[in-house]
């Protein structure tokens, strides 16, 4: 199993709006690509930042599915997020393999 893990640190003032939009719009849009079997949103307890930090983990069965997402869908979905919350978040991404 492959996990596409996205860590996002956001400004306090937009936390509720951001989380609501992630739950209602962004995560469902990512899942509708058909590249992932599921997704889970976590809020971190301890972070290097004083601002709220979340980890969204998307699960797929094989690296080919993640690569299909990256090649055909990621840029547009990431742009939509960036346009909406421009300058108010920091994000990093990792690809993990369940062993």
N, C-alpha and C. Protein backbone atom coordinates (compact mmCIF):
# COMPACT_ATOMS: atom_id res chain seq x y z
N UNK A 1 0.85 -1.17 0.00
CA UNK A 1 0.00 0.00 0.00
C UNK A 1 0.90 1.24 0.00
N UNK A 2 0.48 2.23 -0.77
CA UNK A 2 1.19 3.50 -0.87
C UNK A 2 0.34 4.57 -0.18
N UNK A 3 1.00 5.40 0.61
CA UNK A 3 0.34 6.50 1.29
C UNK A 3 0.93 7.81 0.75
N UNK A 4 0.07 8.65 0.24
CA UNK A 4 0.45 10.01 -0.16
C UNK A 4 0.08 10.88 1.03
N UNK A 5 1.07 11.40 1.72
CA UNK A 5 0.88 12.14 2.96
C UNK A 5 1.18 13.62 2.74
N UNK A 6 0.19 14.46 3.07
CA UNK A 6 0.33 15.91 2.90
C UNK A 6 0.20 16.55 4.27
N UNK A 7 1.22 17.30 4.66
CA UNK A 7 1.21 18.02 5.94
C UNK A 7 0.99 19.50 5.64
N UNK A 8 -0.02 20.07 6.30
CA UNK A 8 -0.38 21.46 6.06
C UNK A 8 -0.44 22.20 7.39
N UNK A 9 0.29 23.29 7.48
CA UNK A 9 0.24 24.20 8.62
C UNK A 9 -0.48 25.46 8.15
N UNK A 10 -1.50 25.86 8.90
CA UNK A 10 -2.35 26.98 8.47
C UNK A 10 -2.41 28.05 9.55
N UNK A 11 -2.81 29.23 9.15
CA UNK A 11 -3.01 30.31 10.12
C UNK A 11 -4.21 30.01 11.01
N UNK A 12 -4.11 30.38 12.27
CA UNK A 12 -5.20 30.16 13.23
C UNK A 12 -6.54 30.70 12.74
N UNK A 13 -6.50 31.89 12.14
CA UNK A 13 -7.72 32.58 11.76
C UNK A 13 -8.55 31.84 10.71
N UNK A 14 -7.93 30.98 9.94
CA UNK A 14 -8.68 30.30 8.87
C UNK A 14 -8.85 28.81 9.13
N UNK A 15 -8.49 28.35 10.32
CA UNK A 15 -8.52 26.90 10.59
C UNK A 15 -9.89 26.28 10.31
N UNK A 16 -10.94 26.85 10.86
CA UNK A 16 -12.29 26.26 10.66
C UNK A 16 -12.69 26.27 9.19
N UNK A 17 -12.49 27.41 8.53
CA UNK A 17 -12.84 27.52 7.10
C UNK A 17 -12.05 26.50 6.28
N UNK A 18 -10.75 26.41 6.54
CA UNK A 18 -9.88 25.50 5.80
C UNK A 18 -10.31 24.05 6.01
N UNK A 19 -10.52 23.66 7.27
CA UNK A 19 -10.89 22.27 7.56
C UNK A 19 -12.23 21.93 6.94
N UNK A 20 -13.19 22.83 7.02
CA UNK A 20 -14.50 22.60 6.40
C UNK A 20 -14.36 22.42 4.90
N UNK A 21 -13.56 23.27 4.25
CA UNK A 21 -13.36 23.17 2.80
C UNK A 21 -12.63 21.88 2.44
N UNK A 22 -11.67 21.49 3.25
CA UNK A 22 -10.96 20.24 2.99
C UNK A 22 -11.92 19.06 3.05
N UNK A 23 -12.77 19.02 4.05
CA UNK A 23 -13.72 17.91 4.23
C UNK A 23 -14.79 17.88 3.16
N UNK A 24 -15.32 19.05 2.82
CA UNK A 24 -16.45 19.11 1.89
C UNK A 24 -16.04 19.10 0.42
N UNK A 25 -14.88 19.72 0.11
CA UNK A 25 -14.52 19.95 -1.29
C UNK A 25 -13.24 19.23 -1.69
N UNK A 26 -12.13 19.59 -1.07
CA UNK A 26 -10.84 19.14 -1.59
C UNK A 26 -10.62 17.64 -1.50
N UNK A 27 -10.77 17.07 -0.31
CA UNK A 27 -10.54 15.63 -0.18
C UNK A 27 -11.50 14.84 -1.06
N UNK A 28 -12.80 15.15 -1.09
CA UNK A 28 -13.68 14.45 -2.03
C UNK A 28 -13.26 14.60 -3.49
N UNK A 29 -12.77 15.78 -3.88
CA UNK A 29 -12.29 15.96 -5.25
C UNK A 29 -11.08 15.07 -5.54
N UNK A 30 -10.17 14.96 -4.60
CA UNK A 30 -9.01 14.08 -4.78
C UNK A 30 -9.47 12.63 -4.90
N UNK A 31 -10.39 12.21 -4.07
CA UNK A 31 -10.88 10.83 -4.13
C UNK A 31 -11.63 10.55 -5.43
N UNK A 32 -12.32 11.55 -5.96
CA UNK A 32 -13.05 11.37 -7.22
C UNK A 32 -12.13 11.11 -8.42
N UNK A 33 -10.85 11.37 -8.27
CA UNK A 33 -9.93 11.07 -9.36
C UNK A 33 -9.84 9.56 -9.61
N UNK A 34 -10.22 8.77 -8.62
CA UNK A 34 -10.16 7.32 -8.74
C UNK A 34 -8.78 6.75 -8.46
N UNK A 35 -7.86 7.59 -8.06
CA UNK A 35 -6.48 7.13 -7.81
C UNK A 35 -6.28 6.61 -6.39
N UNK A 36 -7.17 6.97 -5.48
CA UNK A 36 -7.00 6.62 -4.08
C UNK A 36 -8.22 5.87 -3.56
N UNK A 37 -7.97 4.94 -2.64
CA UNK A 37 -9.05 4.14 -2.06
C UNK A 37 -9.69 4.83 -0.87
N UNK A 38 -8.98 5.75 -0.24
CA UNK A 38 -9.52 6.43 0.92
C UNK A 38 -8.58 7.51 1.40
N UNK A 39 -9.06 8.28 2.37
CA UNK A 39 -8.25 9.37 2.93
C UNK A 39 -8.65 9.58 4.38
N UNK A 40 -7.67 10.00 5.17
CA UNK A 40 -7.89 10.30 6.58
C UNK A 40 -7.20 11.64 6.89
N UNK A 41 -7.89 12.48 7.66
CA UNK A 41 -7.34 13.77 8.09
C UNK A 41 -7.00 13.66 9.57
N UNK A 42 -5.77 14.03 9.91
CA UNK A 42 -5.30 14.03 11.30
C UNK A 42 -4.89 15.45 11.68
N UNK A 43 -5.13 15.81 12.94
CA UNK A 43 -4.58 17.04 13.48
C UNK A 43 -3.43 16.65 14.41
N UNK A 44 -2.30 17.32 14.28
CA UNK A 44 -1.16 16.97 15.11
C UNK A 44 -1.32 17.59 16.50
N UNK A 45 -0.81 16.89 17.50
CA UNK A 45 -0.81 17.39 18.88
C UNK A 45 0.43 18.22 19.16
N UNK A 46 1.54 17.75 18.64
CA UNK A 46 2.80 18.45 18.85
C UNK A 46 3.37 18.80 17.50
N UNK A 47 3.75 20.04 17.35
CA UNK A 47 4.25 20.52 16.08
C UNK A 47 5.39 21.49 16.33
N UNK A 48 6.21 21.69 15.32
CA UNK A 48 7.28 22.68 15.43
C UNK A 48 6.73 24.09 15.26
N UNK A 49 5.47 24.20 14.91
CA UNK A 49 4.83 25.50 14.70
C UNK A 49 3.78 25.74 15.78
N UNK A 50 3.53 26.99 16.07
CA UNK A 50 2.45 27.34 16.99
C UNK A 50 1.10 27.35 16.28
N UNK A 51 1.11 27.26 14.97
CA UNK A 51 -0.12 27.27 14.18
C UNK A 51 -0.64 25.84 14.02
N UNK A 52 -1.94 25.70 13.76
CA UNK A 52 -2.52 24.37 13.58
C UNK A 52 -1.86 23.63 12.42
N UNK A 53 -1.60 22.35 12.64
CA UNK A 53 -0.98 21.52 11.61
C UNK A 53 -1.81 20.25 11.43
N UNK A 54 -2.07 19.92 10.18
CA UNK A 54 -2.86 18.74 9.83
C UNK A 54 -2.05 17.85 8.88
N UNK A 55 -2.35 16.56 8.95
CA UNK A 55 -1.78 15.60 8.03
C UNK A 55 -2.94 14.89 7.34
N UNK A 56 -2.95 14.93 6.02
CA UNK A 56 -3.96 14.22 5.24
C UNK A 56 -3.25 13.06 4.56
N UNK A 57 -3.74 11.85 4.79
CA UNK A 57 -3.12 10.68 4.18
C UNK A 57 -4.10 10.01 3.23
N UNK A 58 -3.67 9.93 1.98
CA UNK A 58 -4.45 9.30 0.92
C UNK A 58 -3.85 7.92 0.65
N UNK A 59 -4.67 6.89 0.57
CA UNK A 59 -4.20 5.52 0.38
C UNK A 59 -4.46 5.04 -1.04
N UNK A 60 -3.44 4.43 -1.64
CA UNK A 60 -3.64 3.78 -2.94
C UNK A 60 -2.92 2.44 -2.96
N UNK A 61 -3.33 1.60 -3.87
CA UNK A 61 -2.85 0.22 -3.88
C UNK A 61 -1.46 0.06 -4.47
N UNK A 62 -1.04 0.99 -5.34
CA UNK A 62 0.25 0.83 -6.01
C UNK A 62 0.82 2.18 -6.40
N UNK A 63 2.12 2.23 -6.58
CA UNK A 63 2.79 3.46 -6.97
C UNK A 63 2.24 3.99 -8.30
N UNK A 64 1.83 3.12 -9.17
CA UNK A 64 1.28 3.55 -10.47
C UNK A 64 0.03 4.42 -10.27
N UNK A 65 -0.77 4.12 -9.27
CA UNK A 65 -1.97 4.92 -9.01
C UNK A 65 -1.58 6.32 -8.53
N UNK A 66 -0.60 6.39 -7.64
CA UNK A 66 -0.13 7.70 -7.20
C UNK A 66 0.45 8.48 -8.39
N UNK A 67 1.24 7.82 -9.21
CA UNK A 67 1.85 8.49 -10.37
C UNK A 67 0.79 9.01 -11.34
N UNK A 68 -0.29 8.27 -11.50
CA UNK A 68 -1.40 8.72 -12.34
C UNK A 68 -2.01 10.00 -11.75
N UNK A 69 -2.19 10.02 -10.43
CA UNK A 69 -2.70 11.22 -9.76
C UNK A 69 -1.73 12.38 -10.00
N UNK A 70 -0.46 12.16 -9.73
CA UNK A 70 0.55 13.22 -9.88
C UNK A 70 0.59 13.76 -11.30
N UNK A 71 0.53 12.87 -12.28
CA UNK A 71 0.68 13.26 -13.68
C UNK A 71 -0.56 13.93 -14.27
N UNK A 72 -1.75 13.57 -13.78
CA UNK A 72 -2.98 14.03 -14.43
C UNK A 72 -3.87 14.95 -13.59
N UNK A 73 -3.71 14.93 -12.27
CA UNK A 73 -4.66 15.65 -11.43
C UNK A 73 -4.03 16.59 -10.40
N UNK A 74 -2.85 16.28 -9.92
CA UNK A 74 -2.27 16.99 -8.77
C UNK A 74 -2.13 18.49 -9.01
N UNK A 75 -1.61 18.89 -10.13
CA UNK A 75 -1.34 20.32 -10.37
C UNK A 75 -2.61 21.16 -10.25
N UNK A 76 -3.69 20.73 -10.85
CA UNK A 76 -4.93 21.50 -10.83
C UNK A 76 -5.53 21.55 -9.42
N UNK A 77 -5.51 20.41 -8.71
CA UNK A 77 -6.08 20.38 -7.37
C UNK A 77 -5.23 21.20 -6.39
N UNK A 78 -3.93 21.13 -6.52
CA UNK A 78 -3.05 21.92 -5.66
C UNK A 78 -3.21 23.41 -5.95
N UNK A 79 -3.39 23.77 -7.21
CA UNK A 79 -3.59 25.17 -7.59
C UNK A 79 -4.88 25.71 -6.98
N UNK A 80 -5.93 24.90 -7.01
CA UNK A 80 -7.21 25.33 -6.43
C UNK A 80 -7.02 25.64 -4.94
N UNK A 81 -6.30 24.78 -4.22
CA UNK A 81 -6.03 25.00 -2.80
C UNK A 81 -5.18 26.25 -2.61
N UNK A 82 -4.13 26.37 -3.40
CA UNK A 82 -3.24 27.53 -3.28
C UNK A 82 -3.95 28.84 -3.58
N UNK A 83 -4.79 28.84 -4.60
CA UNK A 83 -5.53 30.05 -4.95
C UNK A 83 -6.48 30.47 -3.82
N UNK A 84 -7.10 29.49 -3.21
CA UNK A 84 -8.09 29.79 -2.16
C UNK A 84 -7.43 30.28 -0.87
N UNK A 85 -6.27 29.70 -0.50
CA UNK A 85 -5.64 30.00 0.78
C UNK A 85 -4.25 30.60 0.61
N UNK A 86 -4.03 31.29 -0.47
CA UNK A 86 -2.72 31.84 -0.83
C UNK A 86 -2.06 32.61 0.32
N UNK A 87 -0.82 32.23 0.61
CA UNK A 87 -0.03 32.92 1.61
C UNK A 87 -0.43 32.64 3.05
N UNK A 88 -1.39 31.75 3.26
CA UNK A 88 -1.89 31.50 4.61
C UNK A 88 -1.63 30.09 5.09
N UNK A 89 -0.78 29.34 4.37
CA UNK A 89 -0.47 27.96 4.74
C UNK A 89 0.91 27.59 4.22
N UNK A 90 1.44 26.52 4.78
CA UNK A 90 2.65 25.87 4.29
C UNK A 90 2.33 24.40 4.15
N UNK A 91 2.84 23.79 3.09
CA UNK A 91 2.55 22.37 2.87
C UNK A 91 3.82 21.62 2.49
N UNK A 92 3.85 20.37 2.89
CA UNK A 92 4.91 19.46 2.45
C UNK A 92 4.26 18.12 2.15
N UNK A 93 4.91 17.34 1.29
CA UNK A 93 4.34 16.08 0.84
C UNK A 93 5.37 14.97 0.95
N UNK A 94 4.88 13.77 1.25
CA UNK A 94 5.72 12.57 1.29
C UNK A 94 4.97 11.41 0.68
N UNK A 95 5.72 10.50 0.12
CA UNK A 95 5.17 9.24 -0.35
C UNK A 95 5.70 8.15 0.58
N UNK A 96 4.80 7.39 1.16
CA UNK A 96 5.17 6.34 2.11
C UNK A 96 4.72 4.99 1.56
N UNK A 97 5.45 3.96 1.91
CA UNK A 97 5.06 2.60 1.55
C UNK A 97 4.85 1.81 2.82
N UNK A 98 3.67 1.21 2.95
CA UNK A 98 3.39 0.37 4.10
C UNK A 98 4.23 -0.90 3.99
N UNK A 99 4.94 -1.22 5.06
CA UNK A 99 5.81 -2.42 5.06
C UNK A 99 5.39 -3.40 6.12
